[in-house]
């Protein structure tokens, strides 16, 4: 009976050591896979998430500025069209006098 207890104790110890070894192997494999993936991604010239987010924010800001400038340009064009003479003859005279000055 005492021999059986040693046998089971030894088996439990072996199983415990095997489990620890398997977890260590798992960590090593995960580290190797992560390292390989980083190398592959570096060769593919992929950007990091932080770089992508920064570029997206810059693009969003540029789009907003572009829309604001378009609205401003439309307002300036509208006010300019109010200043342009409605009579073509007056416009032609203004154009002719400008050519004469040059």
N, C-alpha and C. Protein backbone atom coordinates (compact mmCIF):
# COMPACT_ATOMS: atom_id res chain seq x y z
N UNK A 1 0.81 -1.18 0.00
CA UNK A 1 0.00 0.00 0.00
C UNK A 1 0.86 1.25 0.00
N UNK A 2 1.97 1.21 0.76
CA UNK A 2 2.86 2.35 0.80
C UNK A 2 3.49 2.59 -0.55
N UNK A 3 3.74 1.53 -1.29
CA UNK A 3 4.30 1.65 -2.64
C UNK A 3 3.34 2.31 -3.58
N UNK A 4 2.05 2.04 -3.40
CA UNK A 4 1.04 2.68 -4.24
C UNK A 4 1.02 4.18 -4.01
N UNK A 5 1.17 4.61 -2.76
CA UNK A 5 1.16 6.04 -2.45
C UNK A 5 2.34 6.75 -3.12
N UNK A 6 3.50 6.12 -3.09
CA UNK A 6 4.66 6.71 -3.76
C UNK A 6 4.45 6.78 -5.27
N UNK A 7 3.83 5.75 -5.79
CA UNK A 7 3.57 5.72 -7.22
C UNK A 7 2.66 6.88 -7.62
N UNK A 8 1.58 7.06 -6.87
CA UNK A 8 0.65 8.13 -7.19
C UNK A 8 1.27 9.51 -6.95
N UNK A 9 2.08 9.62 -5.90
CA UNK A 9 2.78 10.87 -5.64
C UNK A 9 3.73 11.20 -6.79
N UNK A 10 4.47 10.18 -7.24
CA UNK A 10 5.39 10.37 -8.37
C UNK A 10 4.63 10.74 -9.64
N UNK A 11 3.51 10.09 -9.88
CA UNK A 11 2.70 10.40 -11.08
C UNK A 11 2.15 11.83 -11.00
N UNK A 12 1.70 12.24 -9.82
CA UNK A 12 1.19 13.60 -9.65
C UNK A 12 2.29 14.62 -9.87
N UNK A 13 3.49 14.35 -9.34
CA UNK A 13 4.62 15.24 -9.53
C UNK A 13 4.99 15.33 -11.01
N UNK A 14 5.00 14.20 -11.70
CA UNK A 14 5.33 14.19 -13.13
C UNK A 14 4.29 14.98 -13.93
N UNK A 15 3.03 14.78 -13.59
CA UNK A 15 1.97 15.51 -14.29
C UNK A 15 2.09 17.01 -14.05
N UNK A 16 2.41 17.38 -12.82
CA UNK A 16 2.58 18.79 -12.49
C UNK A 16 3.75 19.39 -13.25
N UNK A 17 4.86 18.67 -13.29
CA UNK A 17 6.04 19.15 -14.04
C UNK A 17 5.74 19.22 -15.53
N UNK A 18 5.01 18.23 -16.04
CA UNK A 18 4.67 18.23 -17.47
C UNK A 18 3.77 19.41 -17.81
N UNK A 19 2.83 19.70 -16.91
CA UNK A 19 1.94 20.83 -17.13
C UNK A 19 2.73 22.13 -17.15
N UNK A 20 3.64 22.30 -16.22
CA UNK A 20 4.48 23.49 -16.20
C UNK A 20 5.32 23.61 -17.46
N UNK A 21 5.87 22.48 -17.91
CA UNK A 21 6.67 22.49 -19.13
C UNK A 21 5.83 22.84 -20.34
N UNK A 22 4.60 22.32 -20.38
CA UNK A 22 3.71 22.63 -21.51
C UNK A 22 3.36 24.12 -21.54
N UNK A 23 3.10 24.71 -20.38
CA UNK A 23 2.81 26.14 -20.34
C UNK A 23 4.02 26.96 -20.79
N UNK A 24 5.21 26.53 -20.39
CA UNK A 24 6.43 27.22 -20.82
C UNK A 24 6.59 27.11 -22.33
N UNK A 25 6.33 25.91 -22.87
CA UNK A 25 6.42 25.72 -24.33
C UNK A 25 5.40 26.60 -25.04
N UNK A 26 4.21 26.69 -24.47
CA UNK A 26 3.17 27.52 -25.08
C UNK A 26 3.62 28.98 -25.14
N UNK A 27 4.18 29.49 -24.06
CA UNK A 27 4.67 30.87 -24.03
C UNK A 27 5.78 31.08 -25.06
N UNK A 28 6.68 30.13 -25.16
CA UNK A 28 7.78 30.23 -26.13
C UNK A 28 7.24 30.24 -27.56
N UNK A 29 6.29 29.37 -27.84
CA UNK A 29 5.72 29.31 -29.19
C UNK A 29 4.98 30.61 -29.52
N UNK A 30 4.22 31.13 -28.56
CA UNK A 30 3.53 32.40 -28.79
C UNK A 30 4.51 33.53 -29.06
N UNK A 31 5.60 33.55 -28.34
CA UNK A 31 6.62 34.59 -28.54
C UNK A 31 7.25 34.46 -29.92
N UNK A 32 7.54 33.22 -30.34
CA UNK A 32 8.13 33.01 -31.67
C UNK A 32 7.15 33.41 -32.77
N UNK A 33 5.88 33.06 -32.61
CA UNK A 33 4.88 33.41 -33.63
C UNK A 33 4.72 34.93 -33.69
N UNK A 34 4.68 35.58 -32.54
CA UNK A 34 4.56 37.04 -32.53
C UNK A 34 5.76 37.69 -33.20
N UNK A 35 6.94 37.17 -32.94
CA UNK A 35 8.15 37.71 -33.56
C UNK A 35 8.12 37.53 -35.07
N UNK A 36 7.70 36.36 -35.52
CA UNK A 36 7.61 36.11 -36.97
C UNK A 36 6.58 37.04 -37.60
N UNK A 37 5.44 37.22 -36.95
CA UNK A 37 4.40 38.10 -37.50
C UNK A 37 4.90 39.54 -37.60
N UNK A 38 5.64 39.99 -36.61
CA UNK A 38 6.20 41.34 -36.67
C UNK A 38 7.16 41.48 -37.84
N UNK A 39 7.98 40.45 -38.07
CA UNK A 39 8.91 40.50 -39.21
C UNK A 39 8.16 40.54 -40.53
N UNK A 40 7.13 39.70 -40.65
CA UNK A 40 6.35 39.66 -41.89
C UNK A 40 5.67 41.01 -42.12
N UNK A 41 5.09 41.56 -41.07
CA UNK A 41 4.40 42.84 -41.21
C UNK A 41 5.39 43.96 -41.53
N UNK A 42 6.59 43.90 -40.99
CA UNK A 42 7.60 44.92 -41.29
C UNK A 42 7.99 44.85 -42.76
N UNK A 43 8.09 43.64 -43.30
CA UNK A 43 8.42 43.49 -44.72
C UNK A 43 7.30 43.98 -45.61
N UNK A 44 6.07 43.91 -45.13
CA UNK A 44 4.92 44.33 -45.93
C UNK A 44 4.66 45.82 -45.83
N UNK A 45 5.48 46.54 -45.07
CA UNK A 45 5.33 47.99 -44.88
C UNK A 45 3.96 48.36 -44.33
N UNK A 46 3.46 47.57 -43.42
CA UNK A 46 2.18 47.87 -42.78
C UNK A 46 2.41 48.90 -41.68
N UNK A 47 1.40 49.74 -41.49
CA UNK A 47 1.51 50.77 -40.47
C UNK A 47 0.94 50.24 -39.15
N UNK A 48 1.36 50.88 -38.08
CA UNK A 48 0.81 50.50 -36.78
C UNK A 48 -0.56 51.15 -36.61
N UNK A 49 -1.30 50.70 -35.65
CA UNK A 49 -2.63 51.25 -35.39
C UNK A 49 -2.53 52.73 -35.03
N UNK A 50 -1.50 53.08 -34.26
CA UNK A 50 -1.32 54.47 -33.86
C UNK A 50 -1.07 55.36 -35.07
N UNK A 51 -0.23 54.88 -36.02
CA UNK A 51 0.05 55.66 -37.22
C UNK A 51 -1.22 55.81 -38.07
N UNK A 52 -2.01 54.73 -38.17
CA UNK A 52 -3.25 54.77 -38.94
C UNK A 52 -4.22 55.77 -38.32
N UNK A 53 -4.37 55.72 -37.00
CA UNK A 53 -5.28 56.64 -36.32
C UNK A 53 -4.84 58.09 -36.51
N UNK A 54 -3.54 58.34 -36.44
CA UNK A 54 -3.03 59.70 -36.63
C UNK A 54 -3.31 60.19 -38.05
N UNK A 55 -3.09 59.34 -39.05
CA UNK A 55 -3.35 59.73 -40.44
C UNK A 55 -4.83 59.96 -40.67
N UNK A 56 -5.68 59.13 -40.05
CA UNK A 56 -7.12 59.30 -40.19
C UNK A 56 -7.56 60.63 -39.57
N UNK A 57 -6.99 60.99 -38.42
CA UNK A 57 -7.34 62.26 -37.77
C UNK A 57 -6.90 63.45 -38.62
N UNK A 58 -5.72 63.35 -39.22
CA UNK A 58 -5.24 64.42 -40.10
C UNK A 58 -6.15 64.57 -41.30
N UNK A 59 -6.56 63.45 -41.89
CA UNK A 59 -7.46 63.50 -43.05
C UNK A 59 -8.81 64.09 -42.68
N UNK A 60 -9.34 63.72 -41.52
CA UNK A 60 -10.62 64.26 -41.07
C UNK A 60 -10.52 65.77 -40.88
N UNK A 61 -9.43 66.23 -40.27
CA UNK A 61 -9.25 67.67 -40.04
C UNK A 61 -9.13 68.40 -41.37
N UNK A 62 -8.38 67.83 -42.32
CA UNK A 62 -8.22 68.46 -43.63
C UNK A 62 -9.56 68.54 -44.35
N UNK A 63 -10.37 67.48 -44.24
CA UNK A 63 -11.68 67.49 -44.88
C UNK A 63 -12.57 68.58 -44.28
N UNK A 64 -12.54 68.72 -42.96
CA UNK A 64 -13.33 69.76 -42.30
C UNK A 64 -12.87 71.15 -42.73
N UNK A 65 -11.56 71.36 -42.80
CA UNK A 65 -11.04 72.65 -43.23
C UNK A 65 -11.43 72.93 -44.68
N UNK A 66 -11.38 71.89 -45.52
CA UNK A 66 -11.73 72.03 -46.92
C UNK A 66 -13.20 72.43 -47.06
N UNK A 67 -14.08 71.81 -46.27
CA UNK A 67 -15.50 72.16 -46.32
C UNK A 67 -15.73 73.59 -45.85
N UNK A 68 -15.00 74.01 -44.80
CA UNK A 68 -15.13 75.38 -44.31
C UNK A 68 -14.66 76.38 -45.37
N UNK A 69 -13.55 76.06 -46.03
CA UNK A 69 -13.05 76.95 -47.08
C UNK A 69 -14.02 77.00 -48.27
N UNK A 70 -14.66 75.88 -48.59
CA UNK A 70 -15.63 75.87 -49.69
C UNK A 70 -16.80 76.77 -49.35
N UNK A 71 -17.29 76.69 -48.12
CA UNK A 71 -18.40 77.55 -47.70
C UNK A 71 -17.99 79.02 -47.77
N UNK A 72 -16.78 79.31 -47.35
CA UNK A 72 -16.28 80.68 -47.39
C UNK A 72 -16.16 81.17 -48.83
N UNK A 73 -15.65 80.30 -49.71
CA UNK A 73 -15.51 80.66 -51.13
C UNK A 73 -16.88 80.90 -51.76
N UNK A 74 -17.85 80.03 -51.44
CA UNK A 74 -19.20 80.22 -51.97
C UNK A 74 -19.78 81.56 -51.52
N UNK A 75 -19.55 81.91 -50.25
CA UNK A 75 -20.06 83.19 -49.74
C UNK A 75 -19.38 84.36 -50.45
N UNK A 76 -18.07 84.26 -50.66
CA UNK A 76 -17.35 85.33 -51.37
C UNK A 76 -17.81 85.46 -52.81
N UNK A 77 -18.03 84.32 -53.46
CA UNK A 77 -18.51 84.36 -54.85
C UNK A 77 -19.91 84.98 -54.92
N UNK A 78 -20.74 84.65 -53.94
CA UNK A 78 -22.09 85.22 -53.93
C UNK A 78 -22.03 86.73 -53.73
N UNK A 79 -21.18 87.19 -52.81
CA UNK A 79 -21.09 88.64 -52.60
C UNK A 79 -20.45 89.31 -53.80
N UNK A 80 -19.54 88.65 -54.48
CA UNK A 80 -18.92 89.20 -55.68
C UNK A 80 -19.92 89.29 -56.82
N UNK A 81 -20.77 88.28 -56.95
CA UNK A 81 -21.76 88.32 -58.03
C UNK A 81 -22.75 89.46 -57.82
N UNK A 82 -22.96 89.85 -56.56
CA UNK A 82 -23.83 91.01 -56.29
C UNK A 82 -23.16 92.30 -56.74
N UNK A 83 -21.82 92.34 -56.71
CA UNK A 83 -21.08 93.54 -57.10
C UNK A 83 -20.89 93.66 -58.60
N UNK A 84 -20.93 92.55 -59.32
CA UNK A 84 -20.70 92.57 -60.77
C UNK A 84 -21.89 93.26 -61.44
N UNK A 85 -21.59 94.15 -62.35
CA UNK A 85 -22.68 94.87 -63.03
C UNK A 85 -23.56 93.90 -63.81
N UNK A 86 -24.84 94.13 -63.74
CA UNK A 86 -25.79 93.26 -64.43
C UNK A 86 -25.81 93.57 -65.92
N UNK A 87 -25.49 94.81 -66.28
CA UNK A 87 -25.52 95.23 -67.67
C UNK A 87 -24.23 94.80 -68.36
N UNK A 88 -24.35 94.07 -69.46
CA UNK A 88 -23.18 93.59 -70.18
C UNK A 88 -22.37 94.74 -70.76
N UNK A 89 -23.03 95.80 -71.15
CA UNK A 89 -22.34 96.94 -71.73
C UNK A 89 -21.43 97.58 -70.69
N UNK A 90 -21.89 97.68 -69.46
CA UNK A 90 -21.08 98.24 -68.39
C UNK A 90 -19.89 97.33 -68.11
N UNK A 91 -20.13 96.02 -68.17
CA UNK A 91 -19.05 95.06 -67.94
C UNK A 91 -18.02 95.15 -69.05
N UNK A 92 -18.48 95.31 -70.28
CA UNK A 92 -17.56 95.42 -71.41
C UNK A 92 -16.74 96.69 -71.30
N UNK A 93 -17.35 97.81 -70.87
CA UNK A 93 -16.62 99.05 -70.70
C UNK A 93 -15.55 98.91 -69.62
N UNK A 94 -15.90 98.24 -68.53
CA UNK A 94 -14.95 98.03 -67.45
C UNK A 94 -13.78 97.19 -67.93
N UNK A 95 -14.07 96.19 -68.73
CA UNK A 95 -13.02 95.33 -69.26
C UNK A 95 -12.12 96.11 -70.22
N UNK A 96 -12.72 96.94 -71.07
CA UNK A 96 -11.95 97.74 -72.03
C UNK A 96 -11.08 98.76 -71.31
N UNK A 97 -11.61 99.39 -70.29
CA UNK A 97 -10.81 100.39 -69.57
C UNK A 97 -9.66 99.70 -68.82
N UNK A 98 -9.88 98.51 -68.38
CA UNK A 98 -8.80 97.78 -67.69
C UNK A 98 -7.68 97.46 -68.69
N UNK A 99 -8.05 97.06 -69.91
CA UNK A 99 -7.04 96.76 -70.93
C UNK A 99 -6.27 98.02 -71.31
N UNK A 100 -6.95 99.14 -71.34
CA UNK A 100 -6.31 100.39 -71.69
C UNK A 100 -5.29 100.80 -70.64
N UNK A 101 -5.59 100.52 -69.39
CA UNK A 101 -4.66 100.87 -68.29
C UNK A 101 -3.41 100.01 -68.35
N UNK A 102 -3.55 98.78 -68.74
CA UNK A 102 -2.39 97.86 -68.78
C UNK A 102 -1.53 98.25 -69.94
